Amino acid sequence: MRGVTDVRTAHTADLTTSELAAIRTLMDDAFAGHPDGDFTDADWDHTIGGMHAMAWEGAELVGHASVVQRRLLHGGRALRAGYVEAVAVRADRRRAGYGAAVMAEAARVIRGAYDLGALASAEGATDFYTFLGWRLWQGPASALTPDGISRTADVDGWIYVLPQPHAPLDLTGALICDWRDGDVW
């Protein structure tokens, strides 16, 4: 990585107003005009409240991923999931290892605190997650909505998990996420 001076993790509560603003700016810039859509206020809400892995070049934020806690239902169990949100690298720093660096920190947090990691991949990022050891969820995805369990077939083929040895998974089984505003996955 060129000039990375710091890859660090911090909880949202420990970030300054300027650090939070830098994260939001990075997300807005990275997802502007993206095929999966712009970065919304709901996306921002999903990003905060957990651990942030940040790659800095001096005072410039160049990469980010956050891990927030969610509950995923699978195999008759409610699993504590470290759900990865807001993964982005500044456009002029892509393909230089920053994404892998922040995802390594995200994986470290997940392995130390959760039953599994999970994320919904953006179009074009699936090879990246596979390369990092994430596994494609092959079973049906659903959400536990206020009206009951609702199938979310539009995300089939986009959900990736980072399994843990202590929480075996059937990657072809059903996976149900908890409810939230905006994109449920």
N, C-alpha and C. Protein backbone atom coordinates (compact mmCIF):
# COMPACT_ATOMS: atom_id res chain seq x y z
N MET A 1 0.85 -1.17 0.00
CA MET A 1 0.00 0.00 0.00
C MET A 1 0.89 1.23 0.00
N ARG A 2 0.54 2.15 -0.83
CA ARG A 2 1.36 3.36 -0.89
C ARG A 2 1.04 4.30 0.26
N GLY A 3 2.00 4.53 1.09
CA GLY A 3 1.89 5.56 2.09
C GLY A 3 0.89 5.35 3.20
N VAL A 4 0.37 4.15 3.40
CA VAL A 4 -0.56 3.96 4.51
C VAL A 4 0.21 4.21 5.79
N THR A 5 -0.28 5.13 6.57
CA THR A 5 0.38 5.40 7.84
C THR A 5 -0.39 4.78 8.99
N ASP A 6 -1.64 4.43 8.78
CA ASP A 6 -2.44 3.96 9.90
C ASP A 6 -3.66 3.20 9.40
N VAL A 7 -3.83 1.99 9.87
CA VAL A 7 -5.09 1.27 9.72
C VAL A 7 -5.54 1.00 11.14
N ARG A 8 -6.67 1.59 11.51
CA ARG A 8 -7.10 1.45 12.89
C ARG A 8 -8.58 1.15 12.98
N THR A 9 -8.97 0.64 14.13
CA THR A 9 -10.38 0.38 14.40
C THR A 9 -10.82 1.24 15.58
N ALA A 10 -12.07 1.64 15.53
CA ALA A 10 -12.65 2.42 16.62
C ALA A 10 -14.16 2.26 16.57
N HIS A 11 -14.77 2.31 17.73
CA HIS A 11 -16.23 2.29 17.80
C HIS A 11 -16.76 3.67 17.41
N THR A 12 -17.95 3.69 16.86
CA THR A 12 -18.57 4.96 16.48
C THR A 12 -18.51 5.97 17.62
N ALA A 13 -18.74 5.52 18.84
CA ALA A 13 -18.75 6.43 20.00
C ALA A 13 -17.40 7.10 20.23
N ASP A 14 -16.32 6.49 19.70
CA ASP A 14 -14.99 7.03 19.91
C ASP A 14 -14.48 7.87 18.75
N LEU A 15 -15.29 8.04 17.72
CA LEU A 15 -14.89 8.84 16.56
C LEU A 15 -15.26 10.30 16.77
N THR A 16 -14.43 11.17 16.26
CA THR A 16 -14.71 12.60 16.34
C THR A 16 -15.72 12.99 15.25
N THR A 17 -16.27 14.16 15.39
CA THR A 17 -17.19 14.68 14.38
C THR A 17 -16.50 14.76 13.02
N SER A 18 -15.24 15.16 12.99
CA SER A 18 -14.53 15.27 11.71
C SER A 18 -14.23 13.89 11.12
N GLU A 19 -13.97 12.89 11.96
CA GLU A 19 -13.76 11.53 11.44
C GLU A 19 -15.05 10.97 10.86
N LEU A 20 -16.16 11.19 11.55
CA LEU A 20 -17.45 10.75 11.01
C LEU A 20 -17.77 11.45 9.69
N ALA A 21 -17.46 12.74 9.62
CA ALA A 21 -17.69 13.48 8.38
C ALA A 21 -16.80 12.93 7.26
N ALA A 22 -15.57 12.56 7.57
CA ALA A 22 -14.68 11.99 6.56
C ALA A 22 -15.21 10.65 6.05
N ILE A 23 -15.76 9.85 6.94
CA ILE A 23 -16.34 8.56 6.53
C ILE A 23 -17.54 8.81 5.61
N ARG A 24 -18.42 9.71 6.01
CA ARG A 24 -19.61 9.99 5.20
C ARG A 24 -19.21 10.53 3.83
N THR A 25 -18.24 11.43 3.78
CA THR A 25 -17.78 11.98 2.51
C THR A 25 -17.20 10.88 1.62
N LEU A 26 -16.39 9.99 2.20
CA LEU A 26 -15.83 8.88 1.44
C LEU A 26 -16.95 8.02 0.85
N MET A 27 -17.97 7.72 1.65
CA MET A 27 -19.08 6.89 1.17
C MET A 27 -19.86 7.60 0.06
N ASP A 28 -20.17 8.87 0.28
CA ASP A 28 -20.91 9.63 -0.74
C ASP A 28 -20.14 9.65 -2.06
N ASP A 29 -18.83 9.91 -1.99
CA ASP A 29 -18.01 9.96 -3.20
C ASP A 29 -17.90 8.59 -3.86
N ALA A 30 -17.68 7.54 -3.06
CA ALA A 30 -17.46 6.20 -3.61
C ALA A 30 -18.70 5.64 -4.29
N PHE A 31 -19.87 6.00 -3.78
CA PHE A 31 -21.10 5.41 -4.31
C PHE A 31 -21.89 6.36 -5.22
N ALA A 32 -21.38 7.53 -5.48
CA ALA A 32 -22.07 8.47 -6.38
C ALA A 32 -22.16 7.85 -7.78
N GLY A 33 -23.36 7.67 -8.27
CA GLY A 33 -23.57 7.10 -9.59
C GLY A 33 -23.29 5.61 -9.68
N HIS A 34 -23.15 4.93 -8.55
CA HIS A 34 -22.86 3.49 -8.52
C HIS A 34 -24.07 2.72 -9.06
N PRO A 35 -23.83 1.59 -9.77
CA PRO A 35 -24.95 0.80 -10.30
C PRO A 35 -25.93 0.34 -9.23
N ASP A 36 -25.44 0.14 -8.00
CA ASP A 36 -26.32 -0.28 -6.91
C ASP A 36 -27.00 0.91 -6.23
N GLY A 37 -26.71 2.11 -6.66
CA GLY A 37 -27.34 3.30 -6.11
C GLY A 37 -26.39 4.14 -5.27
N ASP A 38 -26.78 5.38 -5.05
CA ASP A 38 -26.00 6.30 -4.23
C ASP A 38 -26.06 5.87 -2.76
N PHE A 39 -25.17 6.41 -1.97
CA PHE A 39 -25.14 6.17 -0.53
C PHE A 39 -26.20 7.06 0.11
N THR A 40 -27.16 6.46 0.79
CA THR A 40 -28.31 7.19 1.33
C THR A 40 -28.18 7.43 2.83
N ASP A 41 -29.11 8.21 3.37
CA ASP A 41 -29.14 8.41 4.82
C ASP A 41 -29.42 7.09 5.54
N ALA A 42 -30.24 6.22 4.95
CA ALA A 42 -30.49 4.90 5.55
C ALA A 42 -29.20 4.07 5.55
N ASP A 43 -28.42 4.16 4.45
CA ASP A 43 -27.13 3.47 4.42
C ASP A 43 -26.22 3.98 5.53
N TRP A 44 -26.22 5.30 5.73
CA TRP A 44 -25.41 5.89 6.81
C TRP A 44 -25.85 5.36 8.16
N ASP A 45 -27.16 5.28 8.38
CA ASP A 45 -27.68 4.75 9.63
C ASP A 45 -27.20 3.32 9.86
N HIS A 46 -27.09 2.53 8.79
CA HIS A 46 -26.61 1.15 8.90
C HIS A 46 -25.11 1.10 9.20
N THR A 47 -24.39 2.14 8.85
CA THR A 47 -22.93 2.19 8.99
C THR A 47 -22.47 2.46 10.41
N ILE A 48 -23.25 3.22 11.16
CA ILE A 48 -22.81 3.66 12.48
C ILE A 48 -23.37 2.77 13.59
N GLY A 49 -22.73 2.86 14.75
CA GLY A 49 -23.17 2.09 15.91
C GLY A 49 -22.36 0.84 16.15
N GLY A 50 -21.26 0.68 15.43
CA GLY A 50 -20.41 -0.49 15.60
C GLY A 50 -18.95 -0.10 15.48
N MET A 51 -18.15 -1.04 15.03
CA MET A 51 -16.71 -0.83 14.88
C MET A 51 -16.40 -0.40 13.45
N HIS A 52 -15.48 0.55 13.34
CA HIS A 52 -15.06 1.06 12.03
C HIS A 52 -13.59 0.69 11.83
N ALA A 53 -13.29 0.13 10.67
CA ALA A 53 -11.91 -0.11 10.26
C ALA A 53 -11.59 0.96 9.23
N MET A 54 -10.54 1.73 9.50
CA MET A 54 -10.24 2.89 8.66
C MET A 54 -8.78 2.88 8.24
N ALA A 55 -8.55 3.12 6.95
CA ALA A 55 -7.18 3.25 6.43
C ALA A 55 -6.93 4.73 6.19
N TRP A 56 -5.87 5.23 6.77
CA TRP A 56 -5.52 6.65 6.69
C TRP A 56 -4.17 6.82 6.01
N GLU A 57 -4.05 7.82 5.18
CA GLU A 57 -2.76 8.31 4.69
C GLU A 57 -2.61 9.69 5.32
N GLY A 58 -1.83 9.77 6.37
CA GLY A 58 -1.75 11.01 7.12
C GLY A 58 -3.13 11.35 7.67
N ALA A 59 -3.63 12.53 7.33
CA ALA A 59 -4.95 12.97 7.80
C ALA A 59 -6.06 12.63 6.80
N GLU A 60 -5.73 11.91 5.72
CA GLU A 60 -6.71 11.61 4.67
C GLU A 60 -7.24 10.19 4.84
N LEU A 61 -8.56 10.07 4.98
CA LEU A 61 -9.20 8.76 5.02
C LEU A 61 -9.27 8.22 3.60
N VAL A 62 -8.70 7.03 3.38
CA VAL A 62 -8.69 6.46 2.03
C VAL A 62 -9.44 5.14 1.93
N GLY A 63 -9.78 4.52 3.07
CA GLY A 63 -10.52 3.27 3.05
C GLY A 63 -11.32 3.08 4.32
N HIS A 64 -12.44 2.37 4.21
CA HIS A 64 -13.32 2.19 5.36
C HIS A 64 -14.17 0.93 5.22
N ALA A 65 -14.45 0.30 6.35
CA ALA A 65 -15.47 -0.75 6.48
C ALA A 65 -15.97 -0.70 7.91
N SER A 66 -17.24 -0.94 8.10
CA SER A 66 -17.75 -1.00 9.47
C SER A 66 -18.39 -2.35 9.73
N VAL A 67 -18.40 -2.74 11.01
CA VAL A 67 -19.01 -3.98 11.46
C VAL A 67 -20.04 -3.60 12.51
N VAL A 68 -21.30 -3.91 12.22
CA VAL A 68 -22.39 -3.65 13.16
C VAL A 68 -23.03 -4.98 13.55
N GLN A 69 -23.59 -5.02 14.73
CA GLN A 69 -24.23 -6.26 15.17
C GLN A 69 -25.64 -6.38 14.62
N ARG A 70 -25.94 -7.57 14.12
CA ARG A 70 -27.29 -7.92 13.67
C ARG A 70 -27.59 -9.33 14.15
N ARG A 71 -28.85 -9.70 14.09
CA ARG A 71 -29.26 -11.08 14.37
C ARG A 71 -29.68 -11.71 13.05
N LEU A 72 -29.10 -12.86 12.75
CA LEU A 72 -29.49 -13.65 11.59
C LEU A 72 -30.03 -14.98 12.10
N LEU A 73 -31.15 -15.41 11.53
CA LEU A 73 -31.75 -16.68 11.90
C LEU A 73 -31.33 -17.73 10.90
N HIS A 74 -30.84 -18.87 11.42
CA HIS A 74 -30.40 -19.95 10.56
C HIS A 74 -30.42 -21.26 11.34
N GLY A 75 -30.99 -22.27 10.74
CA GLY A 75 -30.99 -23.59 11.36
C GLY A 75 -31.63 -23.61 12.73
N GLY A 76 -32.68 -22.82 12.93
CA GLY A 76 -33.38 -22.78 14.20
C GLY A 76 -32.65 -22.01 15.30
N ARG A 77 -31.64 -21.24 14.92
CA ARG A 77 -30.88 -20.47 15.91
C ARG A 77 -30.83 -19.00 15.52
N ALA A 78 -30.77 -18.15 16.53
CA ALA A 78 -30.53 -16.72 16.31
C ALA A 78 -29.03 -16.50 16.50
N LEU A 79 -28.36 -16.17 15.41
CA LEU A 79 -26.91 -16.00 15.45
C LEU A 79 -26.54 -14.53 15.57
N ARG A 80 -25.55 -14.25 16.41
CA ARG A 80 -25.01 -12.90 16.54
C ARG A 80 -24.07 -12.68 15.36
N ALA A 81 -24.44 -11.78 14.47
CA ALA A 81 -23.67 -11.57 13.25
C ALA A 81 -22.96 -10.23 13.28
N GLY A 82 -21.70 -10.25 12.88
CA GLY A 82 -20.96 -9.03 12.59
C GLY A 82 -21.24 -8.70 11.14
N TYR A 83 -22.10 -7.73 10.92
CA TYR A 83 -22.56 -7.41 9.57
C TYR A 83 -21.71 -6.26 9.02
N VAL A 84 -21.10 -6.47 7.87
CA VAL A 84 -20.18 -5.50 7.29
C VAL A 84 -20.96 -4.52 6.42
N GLU A 85 -20.71 -3.24 6.65
CA GLU A 85 -21.36 -2.15 5.92
C GLU A 85 -20.30 -1.16 5.45
N ALA A 86 -20.68 -0.36 4.49
CA ALA A 86 -19.90 0.82 4.07
C ALA A 86 -18.44 0.50 3.77
N VAL A 87 -18.23 -0.46 2.89
CA VAL A 87 -16.87 -0.78 2.44
C VAL A 87 -16.57 0.07 1.22
N ALA A 88 -15.52 0.87 1.31
CA ALA A 88 -15.16 1.73 0.19
C ALA A 88 -13.70 2.15 0.30
N VAL A 89 -13.12 2.39 -0.86
CA VAL A 89 -11.77 2.94 -0.97
C VAL A 89 -11.84 4.14 -1.90
N ARG A 90 -11.15 5.19 -1.53
CA ARG A 90 -11.12 6.39 -2.37
C ARG A 90 -10.70 6.01 -3.79
N ALA A 91 -11.32 6.60 -4.79
CA ALA A 91 -11.14 6.21 -6.19
C ALA A 91 -9.68 6.18 -6.62
N ASP A 92 -8.90 7.14 -6.19
CA ASP A 92 -7.49 7.20 -6.63
C ASP A 92 -6.58 6.26 -5.84
N ARG A 93 -7.13 5.48 -4.91
CA ARG A 93 -6.34 4.54 -4.12
C ARG A 93 -6.81 3.09 -4.28
N ARG A 94 -7.74 2.84 -5.18
CA ARG A 94 -8.26 1.49 -5.38
C ARG A 94 -7.20 0.58 -5.98
N ARG A 95 -7.34 -0.70 -5.68
CA ARG A 95 -6.45 -1.76 -6.18
C ARG A 95 -5.02 -1.60 -5.64
N ALA A 96 -4.90 -1.03 -4.46
CA ALA A 96 -3.59 -0.85 -3.83
C ALA A 96 -3.51 -1.52 -2.46
N GLY A 97 -4.54 -2.32 -2.09
CA GLY A 97 -4.51 -3.06 -0.84
C GLY A 97 -5.28 -2.45 0.31
N TYR A 98 -5.83 -1.27 0.12
CA TYR A 98 -6.57 -0.62 1.21
C TYR A 98 -7.85 -1.37 1.57
N GLY A 99 -8.57 -1.83 0.56
CA GLY A 99 -9.80 -2.59 0.82
C GLY A 99 -9.50 -3.86 1.59
N ALA A 100 -8.45 -4.58 1.19
CA ALA A 100 -8.07 -5.79 1.90
C ALA A 100 -7.65 -5.48 3.33
N ALA A 101 -6.99 -4.35 3.53
CA ALA A 101 -6.54 -3.97 4.87
C ALA A 101 -7.71 -3.69 5.80
N VAL A 102 -8.71 -2.94 5.34
CA VAL A 102 -9.85 -2.65 6.22
C VAL A 102 -10.70 -3.89 6.42
N MET A 103 -10.80 -4.75 5.38
CA MET A 103 -11.56 -5.99 5.55
C MET A 103 -10.85 -6.98 6.47
N ALA A 104 -9.53 -6.97 6.51
CA ALA A 104 -8.79 -7.82 7.46
C ALA A 104 -9.11 -7.40 8.88
N GLU A 105 -9.18 -6.10 9.11
CA GLU A 105 -9.55 -5.61 10.45
C GLU A 105 -11.00 -5.95 10.77
N ALA A 106 -11.88 -5.83 9.79
CA ALA A 106 -13.29 -6.20 10.00
C ALA A 106 -13.39 -7.69 10.35
N ALA A 107 -12.64 -8.54 9.64
CA ALA A 107 -12.65 -9.97 9.92
C ALA A 107 -12.11 -10.27 11.31
N ARG A 108 -11.10 -9.53 11.74
CA ARG A 108 -10.55 -9.71 13.09
C ARG A 108 -11.62 -9.42 14.15
N VAL A 109 -12.36 -8.34 13.95
CA VAL A 109 -13.44 -7.99 14.88
C VAL A 109 -14.50 -9.08 14.88
N ILE A 110 -14.88 -9.54 13.71
CA ILE A 110 -15.91 -10.58 13.60
C ILE A 110 -15.45 -11.86 14.29
N ARG A 111 -14.24 -12.30 14.01
CA ARG A 111 -13.75 -13.55 14.61
C ARG A 111 -13.68 -13.47 16.13
N GLY A 112 -13.45 -12.28 16.65
CA GLY A 112 -13.33 -12.13 18.09
C GLY A 112 -14.63 -11.91 18.83
N ALA A 113 -15.72 -11.60 18.11
CA ALA A 113 -16.93 -11.19 18.83
C ALA A 113 -18.25 -11.77 18.32
N TYR A 114 -18.25 -12.47 17.19
CA TYR A 114 -19.52 -12.86 16.57
C TYR A 114 -19.55 -14.32 16.18
N ASP A 115 -20.77 -14.83 15.96
CA ASP A 115 -20.96 -16.20 15.49
C ASP A 115 -20.62 -16.36 14.02
N LEU A 116 -20.76 -15.28 13.25
CA LEU A 116 -20.42 -15.28 11.84
C LEU A 116 -20.35 -13.85 11.35
N GLY A 117 -19.73 -13.69 10.21
CA GLY A 117 -19.75 -12.41 9.52
C GLY A 117 -20.71 -12.53 8.35
N ALA A 118 -21.31 -11.42 7.96
CA ALA A 118 -22.21 -11.42 6.80
C ALA A 118 -22.16 -10.06 6.15
N LEU A 119 -22.47 -10.05 4.86
CA LEU A 119 -22.55 -8.79 4.12
C LEU A 119 -23.34 -9.03 2.85
N ALA A 120 -23.86 -7.95 2.30
CA ALA A 120 -24.48 -7.98 0.98
C ALA A 120 -23.52 -7.29 0.04
N SER A 121 -23.02 -8.02 -0.93
CA SER A 121 -21.99 -7.50 -1.83
C SER A 121 -22.59 -6.54 -2.84
N ALA A 122 -21.84 -5.50 -3.14
CA ALA A 122 -22.17 -4.62 -4.25
C ALA A 122 -21.80 -5.34 -5.54
N GLU A 123 -22.46 -4.94 -6.61
CA GLU A 123 -22.13 -5.49 -7.91
C GLU A 123 -20.66 -5.19 -8.21
N GLY A 124 -19.94 -6.17 -8.66
CA GLY A 124 -18.54 -5.97 -9.00
C GLY A 124 -17.58 -6.26 -7.86
N ALA A 125 -18.07 -6.51 -6.64
CA ALA A 125 -17.18 -6.77 -5.51
C ALA A 125 -17.14 -8.24 -5.11
N THR A 126 -17.88 -9.09 -5.80
CA THR A 126 -17.98 -10.49 -5.38
C THR A 126 -16.63 -11.21 -5.43
N ASP A 127 -15.83 -10.96 -6.45
CA ASP A 127 -14.51 -11.61 -6.54
C ASP A 127 -13.61 -11.17 -5.39
N PHE A 128 -13.71 -9.92 -5.00
CA PHE A 128 -12.93 -9.38 -3.89
C PHE A 128 -13.26 -10.13 -2.60
N TYR A 129 -14.55 -10.29 -2.28
CA TYR A 129 -14.92 -10.98 -1.05
C TYR A 129 -14.55 -12.45 -1.09
N THR A 130 -14.72 -13.09 -2.24
CA THR A 130 -14.33 -14.49 -2.38
C THR A 130 -12.83 -14.64 -2.15
N PHE A 131 -12.04 -13.76 -2.73
CA PHE A 131 -10.59 -13.77 -2.56
C PHE A 131 -10.21 -13.66 -1.08
N LEU A 132 -10.98 -12.90 -0.31
CA LEU A 132 -10.70 -12.70 1.11
C LEU A 132 -11.21 -13.84 2.00
N GLY A 133 -11.82 -14.85 1.39
CA GLY A 133 -12.27 -16.01 2.17
C GLY A 133 -13.74 -16.00 2.54
N TRP A 134 -14.48 -15.01 2.10
CA TRP A 134 -15.92 -14.98 2.35
C TRP A 134 -16.59 -15.99 1.42
N ARG A 135 -17.69 -16.58 1.89
CA ARG A 135 -18.37 -17.63 1.12
C ARG A 135 -19.75 -17.16 0.70
N LEU A 136 -20.09 -17.45 -0.54
CA LEU A 136 -21.40 -17.09 -1.07
C LEU A 136 -22.48 -17.90 -0.38
N TRP A 137 -23.52 -17.20 0.10
CA TRP A 137 -24.67 -17.89 0.67
C TRP A 137 -25.51 -18.40 -0.49
N GLN A 138 -25.77 -19.70 -0.54
CA GLN A 138 -26.45 -20.32 -1.67
C GLN A 138 -27.92 -20.59 -1.42
N GLY A 139 -28.36 -20.48 -0.17
CA GLY A 139 -29.75 -20.75 0.16
C GLY A 139 -30.61 -19.51 0.02
N PRO A 140 -31.91 -19.66 0.28
CA PRO A 140 -32.82 -18.53 0.17
C PRO A 140 -32.63 -17.52 1.31
N ALA A 141 -32.74 -16.24 0.96
CA ALA A 141 -32.62 -15.16 1.94
C ALA A 141 -34.01 -14.57 2.18
N SER A 142 -34.24 -14.17 3.43
CA SER A 142 -35.50 -13.55 3.82
C SER A 142 -35.22 -12.52 4.90
N ALA A 143 -36.25 -11.76 5.25
CA ALA A 143 -36.16 -10.79 6.34
C ALA A 143 -37.32 -11.00 7.29
N LEU A 144 -37.05 -10.81 8.57
CA LEU A 144 -38.09 -10.86 9.59
C LEU A 144 -38.69 -9.46 9.68
N THR A 145 -39.80 -9.25 8.99
CA THR A 145 -40.43 -7.93 8.89
C THR A 145 -41.50 -7.77 9.97
N PRO A 146 -42.04 -6.57 10.13
CA PRO A 146 -43.15 -6.40 11.08
C PRO A 146 -44.37 -7.26 10.73
N ASP A 147 -44.46 -7.71 9.49
CA ASP A 147 -45.57 -8.56 9.06
C ASP A 147 -45.21 -10.04 9.01
N GLY A 148 -44.04 -10.40 9.51
CA GLY A 148 -43.60 -11.79 9.48
C GLY A 148 -42.42 -11.96 8.54
N ILE A 149 -42.08 -13.21 8.29
CA ILE A 149 -40.94 -13.50 7.42
C ILE A 149 -41.32 -13.24 5.97
N SER A 150 -40.49 -12.46 5.30
CA SER A 150 -40.73 -12.09 3.90
C SER A 150 -39.49 -12.43 3.07
N ARG A 151 -39.71 -13.16 2.00
CA ARG A 151 -38.62 -13.58 1.12
C ARG A 151 -37.99 -12.36 0.45
N THR A 152 -36.66 -12.34 0.37
CA THR A 152 -35.91 -11.26 -0.28
C THR A 152 -35.09 -11.84 -1.43
N ALA A 153 -35.77 -12.39 -2.42
CA ALA A 153 -35.12 -13.08 -3.53
C ALA A 153 -34.17 -12.18 -4.31
N ASP A 154 -34.40 -10.86 -4.26
CA ASP A 154 -33.54 -9.93 -5.01
C ASP A 154 -32.10 -9.93 -4.52
N VAL A 155 -31.83 -10.44 -3.31
CA VAL A 155 -30.45 -10.47 -2.81
C VAL A 155 -29.81 -11.84 -2.94
N ASP A 156 -30.56 -12.83 -3.42
CA ASP A 156 -29.96 -14.15 -3.63
C ASP A 156 -28.78 -14.00 -4.58
N GLY A 157 -27.66 -14.58 -4.20
CA GLY A 157 -26.45 -14.48 -5.00
C GLY A 157 -25.57 -13.30 -4.64
N TRP A 158 -26.01 -12.50 -3.68
CA TRP A 158 -25.25 -11.31 -3.27
C TRP A 158 -24.84 -11.36 -1.80
N ILE A 159 -25.34 -12.33 -1.04
CA ILE A 159 -25.03 -12.42 0.39
C ILE A 159 -23.79 -13.30 0.56
N TYR A 160 -22.83 -12.79 1.33
CA TYR A 160 -21.60 -13.52 1.64
C TYR A 160 -21.47 -13.64 3.15
N VAL A 161 -20.90 -14.76 3.59
CA VAL A 161 -20.71 -14.99 5.02
C VAL A 161 -19.26 -15.37 5.30
N LEU A 162 -18.84 -15.08 6.51
CA LEU A 162 -17.55 -15.49 7.01
C LEU A 162 -17.84 -16.44 8.17
N PRO A 163 -17.85 -17.75 7.88
CA PRO A 163 -18.23 -18.72 8.92
C PRO A 163 -17.21 -18.78 10.05
N GLN A 164 -17.69 -19.25 11.21
CA GLN A 164 -16.85 -19.47 12.38
C GLN A 164 -16.90 -20.96 12.72
N PRO A 165 -15.81 -21.52 13.20
CA PRO A 165 -15.80 -22.96 13.53
C PRO A 165 -16.84 -23.34 14.60
N HIS A 166 -17.13 -22.44 15.53
CA HIS A 166 -18.05 -22.76 16.62
C HIS A 166 -19.52 -22.61 16.23
N ALA A 167 -19.81 -22.13 15.04
CA ALA A 167 -21.20 -21.94 14.61
C ALA A 167 -21.36 -22.50 13.18
N PRO A 168 -21.47 -23.83 13.06
CA PRO A 168 -21.56 -24.42 11.72
C PRO A 168 -22.78 -23.90 10.96
N LEU A 169 -22.57 -23.74 9.64
CA LEU A 169 -23.61 -23.22 8.77
C LEU A 169 -23.87 -24.18 7.62
N ASP A 170 -25.11 -24.25 7.20
CA ASP A 170 -25.48 -24.93 5.96
C ASP A 170 -25.68 -23.83 4.93
N LEU A 171 -24.71 -23.62 4.06
CA LEU A 171 -24.75 -22.51 3.11
C LEU A 171 -25.90 -22.62 2.11
N THR A 172 -26.58 -23.77 2.08
CA THR A 172 -27.73 -23.93 1.18
C THR A 172 -29.05 -23.77 1.93
N GLY A 173 -28.99 -23.56 3.24
CA GLY A 173 -30.19 -23.40 4.05
C GLY A 173 -30.73 -21.98 3.98
N ALA A 174 -31.83 -21.78 4.66
CA ALA A 174 -32.45 -20.45 4.72
C ALA A 174 -31.67 -19.55 5.67
N LEU A 175 -31.59 -18.27 5.31
CA LEU A 175 -30.95 -17.26 6.15
C LEU A 175 -31.92 -16.08 6.24
N ILE A 176 -32.22 -15.68 7.46
CA ILE A 176 -33.20 -14.62 7.69
C ILE A 176 -32.54 -13.52 8.51
N CYS A 177 -32.63 -12.29 8.00
CA CYS A 177 -32.05 -11.15 8.72
C CYS A 177 -33.12 -10.44 9.55
N ASP A 178 -32.65 -9.70 10.55
CA ASP A 178 -33.54 -8.87 11.34
C ASP A 178 -34.02 -7.67 10.52
N TRP A 179 -35.03 -7.01 10.99
CA TRP A 179 -35.65 -5.90 10.28
C TRP A 179 -34.89 -4.60 10.55
N ARG A 180 -34.83 -3.75 9.54
CA ARG A 180 -34.31 -2.40 9.68
C ARG A 180 -34.87 -1.57 8.52
N ASP A 181 -34.85 -0.26 8.69
CA ASP A 181 -35.30 0.63 7.63
C ASP A 181 -34.30 0.61 6.48
N GLY A 182 -34.73 1.00 5.28
CA GLY A 182 -33.85 1.00 4.12
C GLY A 182 -33.67 -0.43 3.60
N ASP A 183 -32.52 -0.68 3.00
CA ASP A 183 -32.22 -2.03 2.52
C ASP A 183 -32.07 -2.95 3.72
N VAL A 184 -32.88 -4.02 3.75
CA VAL A 184 -32.80 -4.92 4.91
C VAL A 184 -31.52 -5.72 4.92
N TRP A 185 -30.95 -6.00 3.77
CA TRP A 185 -29.67 -6.72 3.70
C TRP A 185 -28.57 -5.73 3.48
